[in-house]
C-alpha atoms as a PDB file:
ATOM      1  CA  MET A   1       7.619  35.690   5.586  1.00  0.00           C
ATOM      2  CA  ARG A   2       5.922  34.422   2.435  1.00  0.00           C
ATOM      3  CA  LEU A   3       5.599  30.948   3.965  1.00  0.00           C
ATOM      4  CA  TYR A   4       4.092  32.435   7.139  1.00  0.00           C
ATOM      5  CA  ARG A   5       1.520  34.368   5.112  1.00  0.00           C
ATOM      6  CA  ALA A   6       0.789  31.301   3.009  1.00  0.00           C
ATOM      7  CA  LEU A   7       0.095  29.163   6.077  1.00  0.00           C
ATOM      8  CA  ARG A   8      -2.198  31.659   7.776  1.00  0.00           C
ATOM      9  CA  ASN A   9      -5.296  30.166   6.182  1.00  0.00           C
ATOM     10  CA  VAL A  10      -4.400  26.533   6.844  1.00  0.00           C
ATOM     11  CA  ASP A  11      -6.357  26.520  10.115  1.00  0.00           C
ATOM     12  CA  LYS A  12      -9.489  27.163   8.040  1.00  0.00           C
ATOM     13  CA  PHE A  13      -8.989  23.991   5.969  1.00  0.00           C
ATOM     14  CA  ARG A  14     -11.229  20.938   6.346  1.00  0.00           C
ATOM     15  CA  THR A  15     -10.807  18.974   9.561  1.00  0.00           C
ATOM     16  CA  VAL A  16     -13.199  16.215   8.435  1.00  0.00           C
ATOM     17  CA  PHE A  17     -13.448  14.737   4.954  1.00  0.00           C
ATOM     18  CA  ASP A  18     -16.944  14.697   3.475  1.00  0.00           C
ATOM     19  CA  PHE A  19     -17.440  11.412   1.641  1.00  0.00           C
ATOM     20  CA  GLY A  20     -20.796  12.647   0.357  1.00  0.00           C
ATOM     21  CA  GLY A  21     -22.561   9.374   1.086  1.00  0.00           C
ATOM     22  CA  ARG A  22     -20.107   7.461  -1.099  1.00  0.00           C
ATOM     23  CA  ASP A  23     -19.375   3.821  -0.478  1.00  0.00           C
ATOM     24  CA  VAL A  24     -16.055   2.284  -1.492  1.00  0.00           C
ATOM     25  CA  ALA A  25     -16.493  -0.526  -4.014  1.00  0.00           C
ATOM     26  CA  HIS A  26     -15.903  -3.998  -2.611  1.00  0.00           C
ATOM     27  CA  TRP A  27     -13.146  -5.406  -4.762  1.00  0.00           C
ATOM     28  CA  PHE A  28     -13.311  -9.103  -4.004  1.00  0.00           C
ATOM     29  CA  PRO A  29     -13.213 -10.835  -7.404  1.00  0.00           C
ATOM     30  CA  GLY A  30     -13.155 -14.573  -7.939  1.00  0.00           C
ATOM     31  CA  HIS A  31      -9.397 -14.996  -7.728  1.00  0.00           C
ATOM     32  CA  MET A  32      -9.425 -13.544  -4.189  1.00  0.00           C
ATOM     33  CA  ALA A  33     -11.985 -16.031  -2.907  1.00  0.00           C
ATOM     34  CA  LYS A  34     -10.147 -18.857  -4.656  1.00  0.00           C
ATOM     35  CA  GLY A  35      -6.811 -17.642  -3.305  1.00  0.00           C
ATOM     36  CA  LEU A  36      -8.075 -17.542   0.286  1.00  0.00           C
ATOM     37  CA  LYS A  37      -9.430 -21.076  -0.059  1.00  0.00           C
ATOM     38  CA  GLN A  38      -6.058 -22.272  -1.379  1.00  0.00           C
ATOM     39  CA  MET A  39      -4.237 -20.534   1.484  1.00  0.00           C
ATOM     40  CA  ARG A  40      -6.323 -22.409   4.042  1.00  0.00           C
ATOM     41  CA  ALA A  41      -5.752 -25.692   2.225  1.00  0.00           C
ATOM     42  CA  ASN A  42      -1.961 -25.181   2.277  1.00  0.00           C
ATOM     43  CA  LEU A  43      -1.676 -24.277   5.964  1.00  0.00           C
ATOM     44  CA  ARG A  44      -0.711 -27.837   6.975  1.00  0.00           C
ATOM     45  CA  ASN A  45       2.508 -27.498   4.976  1.00  0.00           C
ATOM     46  CA  VAL A  46       3.429 -24.046   6.293  1.00  0.00           C
ATOM     47  CA  ASP A  47       5.793 -23.253   9.181  1.00  0.00           C
ATOM     48  CA  CYS A  48       5.254 -19.500   9.429  1.00  0.00           C
ATOM     49  CA  ILE A  49       2.898 -16.835   8.049  1.00  0.00           C
ATOM     50  CA  ILE A  50       4.509 -13.652   6.723  1.00  0.00           C
ATOM     51  CA  GLU A  51       1.906 -10.908   6.451  1.00  0.00           C
ATOM     52  CA  ILE A  52       2.992  -7.886   4.401  1.00  0.00           C
ATOM     53  CA  HIS A  53       1.252  -4.538   4.714  1.00  0.00           C
ATOM     54  CA  ASP A  54       1.905  -0.938   3.699  1.00  0.00           C
ATOM     55  CA  ALA A  55       3.905   0.958   6.331  1.00  0.00           C
ATOM     56  CA  ARG A  56       1.889   4.132   5.605  1.00  0.00           C
ATOM     57  CA  ILE A  57      -1.310   2.451   6.872  1.00  0.00           C
ATOM     58  CA  PRO A  58      -0.038  -0.037   9.492  1.00  0.00           C
ATOM     59  CA  LEU A  59      -3.318  -0.146  11.404  1.00  0.00           C
ATOM     60  CA  SER A  60      -5.836   0.213   8.567  1.00  0.00           C
ATOM     61  CA  GLY A  61      -7.103  -2.365   6.115  1.00  0.00           C
ATOM     62  CA  ARG A  62      -5.264  -5.458   7.345  1.00  0.00           C
ATOM     63  CA  ASN A  63      -7.579  -8.273   6.361  1.00  0.00           C
ATOM     64  CA  PRO A  64      -9.275  -9.641   9.530  1.00  0.00           C
ATOM     65  CA  VAL A  65      -9.955 -12.891   7.646  1.00  0.00           C
ATOM     66  CA  PHE A  66      -6.188 -13.556   7.787  1.00  0.00           C
ATOM     67  CA  GLN A  67      -6.153 -13.296  11.566  1.00  0.00           C
ATOM     68  CA  GLU A  68      -9.232 -15.505  11.937  1.00  0.00           C
ATOM     69  CA  THR A  69      -8.140 -18.326   9.638  1.00  0.00           C
ATOM     70  CA  LEU A  70      -4.353 -18.204   9.501  1.00  0.00           C
ATOM     71  CA  ASP A  71      -3.516 -17.514  13.146  1.00  0.00           C
ATOM     72  CA  VAL A  72      -2.793 -21.175  13.762  1.00  0.00           C
ATOM     73  CA  ARG A  73       0.802 -20.673  12.596  1.00  0.00           C
ATOM     74  CA  PRO A  74       3.619 -18.388  13.851  1.00  0.00           C
ATOM     75  CA  HIS A  75       3.181 -14.916  12.406  1.00  0.00           C
ATOM     76  CA  LEU A  76       5.497 -12.102  11.277  1.00  0.00           C
ATOM     77  CA  LEU A  77       4.137  -8.720  10.172  1.00  0.00           C
ATOM     78  CA  ILE A  78       6.297  -6.936   7.606  1.00  0.00           C
ATOM     79  CA  LEU A  79       5.535  -3.259   7.103  1.00  0.00           C
ATOM     80  CA  ASN A  80       6.874  -2.642   3.610  1.00  0.00           C
ATOM     81  CA  LYS A  81       7.496   0.612   1.717  1.00  0.00           C
ATOM     82  CA  MET A  82       9.087   2.113   4.826  1.00  0.00           C
ATOM     83  CA  ASP A  83      10.920   4.524   2.528  1.00  0.00           C
ATOM     84  CA  LEU A  84       7.546   6.230   1.869  1.00  0.00           C
ATOM     85  CA  ALA A  85       6.355   6.344   5.494  1.00  0.00           C
ATOM     86  CA  ASP A  86       6.906   8.896   8.231  1.00  0.00           C
ATOM     87  CA  LEU A  87       8.306   6.673  10.986  1.00  0.00           C
ATOM     88  CA  SER A  88       8.877   9.399  13.581  1.00  0.00           C
ATOM     89  CA  GLY A  89       6.222   7.704  15.759  1.00  0.00           C
ATOM     90  CA  LYS A  90       7.576   4.193  15.214  1.00  0.00           C
ATOM     91  CA  GLN A  91       7.832   3.230  18.909  1.00  0.00           C
ATOM     92  CA  THR A  92       4.261   4.328  19.614  1.00  0.00           C
ATOM     93  CA  LEU A  93       3.106   2.309  16.610  1.00  0.00           C
ATOM     94  CA  LEU A  94       4.931  -0.812  17.796  1.00  0.00           C
ATOM     95  CA  LYS A  95       3.264  -0.497  21.204  1.00  0.00           C
ATOM     96  CA  LYS A  96      -0.165  -0.259  19.553  1.00  0.00           C
ATOM     97  CA  LEU A  97       0.532  -3.344  17.453  1.00  0.00           C
ATOM     98  CA  GLU A  98       1.790  -5.263  20.486  1.00  0.00           C
ATOM     99  CA  LYS A  99      -1.419  -4.345  22.313  1.00  0.00           C
ATOM    100  CA  ASP A 100      -3.283  -5.937  19.391  1.00  0.00           C
ATOM    101  CA  GLY A 101      -1.227  -9.116  19.774  1.00  0.00           C
ATOM    102  CA  VAL A 102       1.304  -8.421  17.001  1.00  0.00           C
ATOM    103  CA  ARG A 103       4.767  -8.797  18.557  1.00  0.00           C
ATOM    104  CA  ASN A 104       6.933  -9.734  15.590  1.00  0.00           C
ATOM    105  CA  VAL A 105       7.267  -6.719  13.288  1.00  0.00           C
ATOM    106  CA  LEU A 106       9.875  -5.871  10.654  1.00  0.00           C
ATOM    107  CA  PHE A 107      10.062  -2.713   8.507  1.00  0.00           C
ATOM    108  CA  THR A 108      11.383  -3.170   4.959  1.00  0.00           C
ATOM    109  CA  ASP A 109      11.976  -1.448   1.653  1.00  0.00           C
ATOM    110  CA  SER A 110      11.958  -4.450  -0.668  1.00  0.00           C
ATOM    111  CA  LEU A 111      12.519  -2.401  -3.839  1.00  0.00           C
ATOM    112  CA  LYS A 112      16.101  -1.689  -2.812  1.00  0.00           C
ATOM    113  CA  GLN A 113      18.543  -4.176  -4.290  1.00  0.00           C
ATOM    114  CA  ARG A 114      20.104  -4.712  -0.889  1.00  0.00           C
ATOM    115  CA  HIS A 115      18.243  -3.599   2.221  1.00  0.00           C
ATOM    116  CA  GLU A 116      19.643  -4.299   5.694  1.00  0.00           C
ATOM    117  CA  ASN A 117      16.279  -5.376   7.101  1.00  0.00           C
ATOM    118  CA  ILE A 118      15.825  -7.958   4.326  1.00  0.00           C
ATOM    119  CA  LYS A 119      18.954  -9.661   5.684  1.00  0.00           C
ATOM    120  CA  LYS A 120      17.313  -9.806   9.123  1.00  0.00           C
ATOM    121  CA  LEU A 121      14.235 -11.614   7.855  1.00  0.00           C
ATOM    122  CA  VAL A 122      15.529 -15.197   7.691  1.00  0.00           C
ATOM    123  CA  PRO A 123      17.155 -15.178  11.173  1.00  0.00           C
ATOM    124  CA  MET A 124      14.015 -13.551  12.607  1.00  0.00           C
ATOM    125  CA  VAL A 125      11.716 -16.135  10.986  1.00  0.00           C
ATOM    126  CA  MET A 126      13.887 -19.023  12.191  1.00  0.00           C
ATOM    127  CA  GLU A 127      13.786 -17.686  15.749  1.00  0.00           C
ATOM    128  CA  ILE A 128       9.966 -17.412  15.571  1.00  0.00           C
ATOM    129  CA  ILE A 129       9.583 -20.937  14.163  1.00  0.00           C
ATOM    130  CA  GLU A 130      11.928 -22.521  16.704  1.00  0.00           C
ATOM    131  CA  SER A 131      10.024 -20.928  19.573  1.00  0.00           C
ATOM    132  CA  ARG A 132       6.928 -23.032  18.815  1.00  0.00           C
ATOM    133  CA  PRO A 133       6.264 -26.730  18.050  1.00  0.00           C
ATOM    134  CA  ARG A 134       6.250 -27.668  14.319  1.00  0.00           C
ATOM    135  CA  PHE A 135       3.824 -30.565  14.887  1.00  0.00           C
ATOM    136  CA  ASN A 136       3.429 -32.545  11.629  1.00  0.00           C
ATOM    137  CA  ARG A 137       6.458 -30.770  10.085  1.00  0.00           C
ATOM    138  CA  ASP A 138       8.808 -31.576  12.955  1.00  0.00           C
ATOM    139  CA  GLU A 139      10.854 -34.061  10.922  1.00  0.00           C
ATOM    140  CA  SER A 140      11.084 -31.911   7.791  1.00  0.00           C
ATOM    141  CA  THR A 141      14.552 -30.486   7.101  1.00  0.00           C
ATOM    142  CA  ASN A 142      13.286 -27.551   5.020  1.00  0.00           C
ATOM    143  CA  TYR A 143      10.953 -24.706   5.894  1.00  0.00           C
ATOM    144  CA  CYS A 144       7.924 -23.292   4.111  1.00  0.00           C
ATOM    145  CA  LEU A 145       6.611 -19.771   4.625  1.00  0.00           C
ATOM    146  CA  MET A 146       3.353 -18.357   3.282  1.00  0.00           C
ATOM    147  CA  VAL A 147       3.344 -14.708   2.190  1.00  0.00           C
ATOM    148  CA  ILE A 148      -0.055 -13.009   2.579  1.00  0.00           C
ATOM    149  CA  GLY A 149      -1.447  -9.477   2.435  1.00  0.00           C
ATOM    150  CA  VAL A 150      -3.862  -7.119   0.724  1.00  0.00           C
ATOM    151  CA  PRO A 151      -3.107  -6.268  -2.940  1.00  0.00           C
ATOM    152  CA  ASN A 152      -0.102  -4.228  -4.061  1.00  0.00           C
ATOM    153  CA  VAL A 153       1.837  -4.054  -0.794  1.00  0.00           C
ATOM    154  CA  GLY A 154       4.998  -5.636  -2.221  1.00  0.00           C
ATOM    155  CA  LYS A 155       4.638  -9.386  -1.607  1.00  0.00           C
ATOM    156  CA  SER A 156       6.226 -10.394  -4.912  1.00  0.00           C
ATOM    157  CA  SER A 157       8.898  -7.706  -4.546  1.00  0.00           C
ATOM    158  CA  LEU A 158       9.833  -9.091  -1.146  1.00  0.00           C
ATOM    159  CA  ILE A 159      10.178 -12.619  -2.554  1.00  0.00           C
ATOM    160  CA  ASN A 160      12.422 -11.353  -5.353  1.00  0.00           C
ATOM    161  CA  SER A 161      14.454  -9.293  -2.882  1.00  0.00           C
ATOM    162  CA  LEU A 162      14.986 -12.346  -0.662  1.00  0.00           C
ATOM    163  CA  ARG A 163      16.187 -14.358  -3.649  1.00  0.00           C
ATOM    164  CA  ARG A 164      18.636 -11.604  -4.604  1.00  0.00           C
ATOM    165  CA  THR A 165      19.940 -11.371  -1.033  1.00  0.00           C
ATOM    166  CA  ASN A 166      20.210 -15.069  -0.148  1.00  0.00           C
ATOM    167  CA  LEU A 167      20.556 -16.901  -3.463  1.00  0.00           C
ATOM    168  CA  LYS A 168      22.004 -14.138  -5.677  1.00  0.00           C
ATOM    169  CA  LYS A 169      19.245 -14.923  -8.177  1.00  0.00           C
ATOM    170  CA  GLY A 170      16.707 -12.748  -9.976  1.00  0.00           C
ATOM    171  CA  ARG A 171      12.956 -12.477  -9.854  1.00  0.00           C
ATOM    172  CA  ALA A 172      10.628 -15.441  -9.562  1.00  0.00           C
ATOM    173  CA  SER A 173       7.388 -13.494  -9.051  1.00  0.00           C
ATOM    174  CA  GLN A 174       5.902 -10.952 -11.424  1.00  0.00           C
ATOM    175  CA  VAL A 175       5.807  -7.410 -10.025  1.00  0.00           C
ATOM    176  CA  GLY A 176       3.458  -4.608 -11.031  1.00  0.00           C
ATOM    177  CA  GLY A 177       2.421  -1.128  -9.927  1.00  0.00           C
ATOM    178  CA  GLU A 178      -1.256  -1.933  -9.584  1.00  0.00           C
ATOM    179  CA  PRO A 179      -3.224  -4.459  -7.507  1.00  0.00           C
ATOM    180  CA  GLY A 180      -4.048  -7.892  -8.850  1.00  0.00           C
ATOM    181  CA  ILE A 181      -0.788  -8.943 -10.559  1.00  0.00           C
ATOM    182  CA  THR A 182      -0.538 -12.226  -8.614  1.00  0.00           C
ATOM    183  CA  LYS A 183      -3.789 -14.122  -9.170  1.00  0.00           C
ATOM    184  CA  ALA A 184      -3.080 -17.631  -7.927  1.00  0.00           C
ATOM    185  CA  VAL A 185      -1.136 -19.389  -5.204  1.00  0.00           C
ATOM    186  CA  LEU A 186       2.115 -20.238  -6.940  1.00  0.00           C
ATOM    187  CA  THR A 187       4.369 -23.245  -6.592  1.00  0.00           C
ATOM    188  CA  LYS A 188       7.078 -23.117  -3.945  1.00  0.00           C
ATOM    189  CA  ILE A 189       9.763 -20.513  -4.574  1.00  0.00           C
ATOM    190  CA  GLN A 190      13.117 -21.091  -2.915  1.00  0.00           C
ATOM    191  CA  VAL A 191      14.534 -18.011  -1.191  1.00  0.00           C
ATOM    192  CA  CYS A 192      17.325 -19.431   0.962  1.00  0.00           C
ATOM    193  CA  GLU A 193      19.869 -22.281   0.803  1.00  0.00           C
ATOM    194  CA  ARG A 194      21.028 -22.519   4.416  1.00  0.00           C
ATOM    195  CA  PRO A 195      18.583 -23.387   5.802  1.00  0.00           C
ATOM    196  CA  ILE A 196      16.448 -24.403   2.836  1.00  0.00           C
ATOM    197  CA  ILE A 197      13.452 -22.077   2.858  1.00  0.00           C
ATOM    198  CA  TYR A 198      10.593 -21.892   0.373  1.00  0.00           C
ATOM    199  CA  LEU A 199       7.928 -19.219   0.082  1.00  0.00           C
ATOM    200  CA  LEU A 200       4.398 -19.474  -1.249  1.00  0.00           C
ATOM    201  CA  ASP A 201       3.382 -16.289  -3.049  1.00  0.00           C
ATOM    202  CA  THR A 202      -0.351 -15.617  -2.815  1.00  0.00           C
ATOM    203  CA  PRO A 203      -2.799 -13.196  -4.450  1.00  0.00           C
ATOM    204  CA  GLY A 204      -3.643 -10.029  -2.547  1.00  0.00           C
ATOM    205  CA  VAL A 205      -6.906 -10.508  -0.695  1.00  0.00           C
ATOM    206  CA  LEU A 206      -9.012  -7.597   0.542  1.00  0.00           C
ATOM    207  CA  PRO A 207     -11.685  -8.077   3.198  1.00  0.00           C
ATOM    208  CA  PRO A 208     -15.010  -8.982   1.537  1.00  0.00           C
ATOM    209  CA  LYS A 209     -16.394  -5.978   3.415  1.00  0.00           C
ATOM    210  CA  ILE A 210     -14.081  -3.042   4.108  1.00  0.00           C
ATOM    211  CA  GLU A 211     -14.728  -1.797   7.648  1.00  0.00           C
ATOM    212  CA  SER A 212     -15.334   1.878   6.776  1.00  0.00           C
ATOM    213  CA  VAL A 213     -15.218   4.324   3.882  1.00  0.00           C
ATOM    214  CA  GLU A 214     -12.270   6.041   5.568  1.00  0.00           C
ATOM    215  CA  THR A 215     -10.306   2.779   5.664  1.00  0.00           C
ATOM    216  CA  GLY A 216     -11.253   2.060   2.067  1.00  0.00           C
ATOM    217  CA  MET A 217     -10.011   5.493   1.005  1.00  0.00           C
ATOM    218  CA  LYS A 218      -6.659   4.932   2.714  1.00  0.00           C
ATOM    219  CA  LEU A 219      -6.343   1.582   0.924  1.00  0.00           C
ATOM    220  CA  ALA A 220      -7.225   3.250  -2.384  1.00  0.00           C
ATOM    221  CA  LEU A 221      -4.758   6.076  -1.818  1.00  0.00           C
ATOM    222  CA  CYS A 222      -1.964   3.541  -1.255  1.00  0.00           C
ATOM    223  CA  GLY A 223      -2.941   1.675  -4.445  1.00  0.00           C
ATOM    224  CA  THR A 224      -4.422  -1.515  -3.018  1.00  0.00           C
ATOM    225  CA  ILE A 225      -7.766  -0.930  -4.781  1.00  0.00           C
ATOM    226  CA  LEU A 226      -7.919  -0.129  -8.502  1.00  0.00           C
ATOM    227  CA  ASP A 227      -8.295   3.648  -8.880  1.00  0.00           C
ATOM    228  CA  HIS A 228     -11.254   3.573 -11.230  1.00  0.00           C
ATOM    229  CA  LEU A 229     -13.351   1.602  -8.731  1.00  0.00           C
ATOM    230  CA  VAL A 230     -13.188   4.540  -6.328  1.00  0.00           C
ATOM    231  CA  GLY A 231     -12.580   7.407  -8.764  1.00  0.00           C
ATOM    232  CA  GLU A 232      -9.373   9.361  -9.343  1.00  0.00           C
ATOM    233  CA  ASP A 233     -11.136  12.622  -8.454  1.00  0.00           C
ATOM    234  CA  ILE A 234     -12.217  11.499  -4.981  1.00  0.00           C
ATOM    235  CA  ILE A 235      -8.828   9.854  -4.294  1.00  0.00           C
ATOM    236  CA  ALA A 236      -7.035  13.073  -5.291  1.00  0.00           C
ATOM    237  CA  ASP A 237      -9.316  15.147  -3.041  1.00  0.00           C
ATOM    238  CA  TYR A 238      -8.738  12.795  -0.109  1.00  0.00           C
ATOM    239  CA  LEU A 239      -4.990  13.011  -0.781  1.00  0.00           C
ATOM    240  CA  LEU A 240      -5.095  16.812  -0.652  1.00  0.00           C
ATOM    241  CA  TYR A 241      -7.128  16.700   2.571  1.00  0.00           C
ATOM    242  CA  SER A 242      -4.633  14.233   4.097  1.00  0.00           C
ATOM    243  CA  LEU A 243      -1.533  16.211   3.110  1.00  0.00           C
ATOM    244  CA  ASN A 244      -2.986  19.409   4.563  1.00  0.00           C
ATOM    245  CA  ARG A 245      -4.092  17.637   7.755  1.00  0.00           C
ATOM    246  CA  LEU A 246      -0.565  16.242   8.229  1.00  0.00           C
ATOM    247  CA  GLY A 247       1.110  19.555   7.421  1.00  0.00           C
ATOM    248  CA  LYS A 248       2.815  18.140   4.329  1.00  0.00           C
ATOM    249  CA  PHE A 249       2.957  21.030   1.859  1.00  0.00           C
ATOM    250  CA  ARG A 250       5.598  19.847  -0.579  1.00  0.00           C
ATOM    251  CA  TYR A 251       2.928  19.826  -3.304  1.00  0.00           C
ATOM    252  CA  VAL A 252       2.903  23.645  -3.196  1.00  0.00           C
ATOM    253  CA  GLU A 253       6.463  23.911  -4.500  1.00  0.00           C
ATOM    254  CA  LYS A 254       6.233  20.891  -6.798  1.00  0.00           C
ATOM    255  CA  TYR A 255       3.269  22.271  -8.732  1.00  0.00           C
ATOM    256  CA  ASN A 256       4.088  26.003  -8.498  1.00  0.00           C
ATOM    257  CA  LEU A 257       1.149  26.955  -6.285  1.00  0.00           C
ATOM    258  CA  GLN A 258       1.253  30.306  -4.500  1.00  0.00           C
ATOM    259  CA  GLU A 259       0.196  28.743  -1.205  1.00  0.00           C
ATOM    260  CA  PRO A 260      -1.384  25.601   0.265  1.00  0.00           C
ATOM    261  CA  SER A 261      -4.953  25.100  -0.907  1.00  0.00           C
ATOM    262  CA  ASP A 262      -7.969  23.141   0.299  1.00  0.00           C
ATOM    263  CA  ASP A 263      -9.673  23.371  -3.114  1.00  0.00           C
ATOM    264  CA  ILE A 264      -8.945  20.276  -5.202  1.00  0.00           C
ATOM    265  CA  GLN A 265     -10.215  21.869  -8.415  1.00  0.00           C
ATOM    266  CA  HIS A 266      -7.756  24.757  -8.011  1.00  0.00           C
ATOM    267  CA  VAL A 267      -4.891  22.367  -7.249  1.00  0.00           C
ATOM    268  CA  LEU A 268      -5.682  20.116 -10.222  1.00  0.00           C
ATOM    269  CA  LYS A 269      -5.913  23.145 -12.517  1.00  0.00           C
ATOM    270  CA  CYS A 270      -2.447  24.266 -11.410  1.00  0.00           C
ATOM    271  CA  ILE A 271      -1.091  20.743 -11.950  1.00  0.00           C
ATOM    272  CA  ALA A 272      -2.644  20.584 -15.429  1.00  0.00           C
ATOM    273  CA  VAL A 273      -1.178  23.963 -16.377  1.00  0.00           C
ATOM    274  CA  LYS A 274       2.311  23.099 -15.075  1.00  0.00           C
ATOM    275  CA  LEU A 275       2.411  19.705 -16.814  1.00  0.00           C
ATOM    276  CA  GLY A 276       0.578  20.733 -19.984  1.00  0.00           C
ATOM    277  CA  LYS A 277      -2.274  18.323 -19.264  1.00  0.00           C
ATOM    278  CA  THR A 278      -5.025  19.778 -21.455  1.00  0.00           C
ATOM    279  CA  GLN A 279      -7.791  18.483 -23.679  1.00  0.00           C
ATOM    280  CA  ARG A 280      -9.853  19.947 -26.507  1.00  0.00           C
ATOM    281  CA  VAL A 281     -13.617  19.905 -26.097  1.00  0.00           C
ATOM    282  CA  LYS A 282     -16.512  21.210 -28.158  1.00  0.00           C
ATOM    283  CA  ALA A 283     -18.561  24.072 -26.754  1.00  0.00           C
ATOM    284  CA  ILE A 284     -21.994  25.066 -28.036  1.00  0.00           C
ATOM    285  CA  THR A 285     -22.449  28.813 -28.486  1.00  0.00           C
ATOM    286  CA  GLY A 286     -25.127  31.010 -29.964  1.00  0.00           C
ATOM    287  CA  VAL A 287     -23.213  31.229 -33.243  1.00  0.00           C
ATOM    288  CA  GLY A 288     -22.283  27.538 -33.535  1.00  0.00           C
ATOM    289  CA  ASN A 289     -19.931  24.967 -32.079  1.00  0.00           C
ATOM    290  CA  ILE A 290     -16.364  25.922 -31.218  1.00  0.00           C
ATOM    291  CA  THR A 291     -13.448  23.882 -29.929  1.00  0.00           C
ATOM    292  CA  ILE A 292     -11.744  25.113 -26.775  1.00  0.00           C
ATOM    293  CA  THR A 293      -8.775  23.890 -24.734  1.00  0.00           C
ATOM    294  CA  VAL A 294      -9.420  23.132 -21.059  1.00  0.00           C
ATOM    295  CA  PRO A 295      -7.390  21.562 -18.242  1.00  0.00           C
ATOM    296  CA  ASN A 296      -7.512  17.759 -18.142  1.00  0.00           C
ATOM    297  CA  TYR A 297      -8.497  17.288 -14.514  1.00  0.00           C
ATOM    298  CA  THR A 298      -8.447  13.473 -14.697  1.00  0.00           C
ATOM    299  CA  ALA A 299      -4.869  13.411 -16.001  1.00  0.00           C
ATOM    300  CA  ALA A 300      -3.861  15.956 -13.349  1.00  0.00           C
ATOM    301  CA  ALA A 301      -5.478  13.852 -10.603  1.00  0.00           C
ATOM    302  CA  TYR A 302      -3.631  10.774 -11.850  1.00  0.00           C
ATOM    303  CA  ASP A 303      -0.287  12.617 -11.706  1.00  0.00           C
ATOM    304  CA  PHE A 304      -1.038  13.956  -8.213  1.00  0.00           C
ATOM    305  CA  ILE A 305      -1.821  10.446  -6.921  1.00  0.00           C
ATOM    306  CA  ARG A 306       1.184   8.902  -8.670  1.00  0.00           C
ATOM    307  CA  ALA A 307       3.518  11.541  -7.171  1.00  0.00           C
ATOM    308  CA  PHE A 308       2.251  10.620  -3.684  1.00  0.00           C
ATOM    309  CA  ARG A 309       2.770   6.894  -4.263  1.00  0.00           C
ATOM    310  CA  LYS A 310       6.355   7.547  -5.387  1.00  0.00           C
ATOM    311  CA  GLY A 311       7.099   9.598  -2.265  1.00  0.00           C
ATOM    312  CA  GLU A 312       7.497  12.878  -4.156  1.00  0.00           C
ATOM    313  CA  LEU A 313       5.039  14.720  -1.870  1.00  0.00           C
ATOM    314  CA  GLY A 314       6.805  13.825   1.379  1.00  0.00           C
ATOM    315  CA  LEU A 315       6.795  10.950   3.870  1.00  0.00           C
ATOM    316  CA  VAL A 316       3.422  10.305   5.475  1.00  0.00           C
ATOM    317  CA  MET A 317       1.691   8.184   8.112  1.00  0.00           C
ATOM    318  CA  LEU A 318      -2.025   8.005   7.335  1.00  0.00           C
ATOM    319  CA  ASP A 319      -3.010   6.131  10.524  1.00  0.00           C
END
């Protein structure tokens, strides 16, 4: 009964997010332009392109530059972080991707030490490669794959996971929780012995111009754009809007709210109180300055966003 009463007002929540005339920052620093140039230069030595993207935004933010310049090689789309995505509409999604010309798709969770779909990757890639001519690489006995994608979708994690699965060896690529860890096309990294397969790890490359503010916000929410370039407050508000729109109310219980809310300031205040995120500020009064303790909304927003990225607020599909 309490849940029913709590959800009565949900139909009054926002149905459209007001971006307030904001424009998402274009994060295309020098290493991205350099990386894209190096990718093009290395295409002659590549047998297959492996594009990795976030499974929570399978249709948004994939760099169109990849499709324009790298489509000359066989292509496999890996939708990573499947453990964080709501895949109840998986078949509908696959049909949409196939309509867009993407027929080879694999879902993975590359952070798991041993994931069944990681084991499927090498046989799947070999089948794709053997279905098309290798041209100048026809006489080569080893295979080279290029891993591409926007920042922070798990490219380096996938490489390390492949090495663990096929070579029983540890990491070769540095992994981080924010975009921009890989900043140059690396040397070949071996990921399989039979057959001999090498991967080229590449820096994450965003489109020089993100197609819409909505797409940019989805990319930011999934951590592919540095938070401070967009603003933790606006990302947190868009997260709240998205969770409510999708009917994902786990945040209510996690942060001890009485009911779902469409007011980000109220939600952040509750988060700050629950987690003890406060700060002392000076206030000017008629009798002099005093120091008061207030909720730290920035710290609360950061925790809210981090909880989403770790899957603590439920599985979602933002597209």
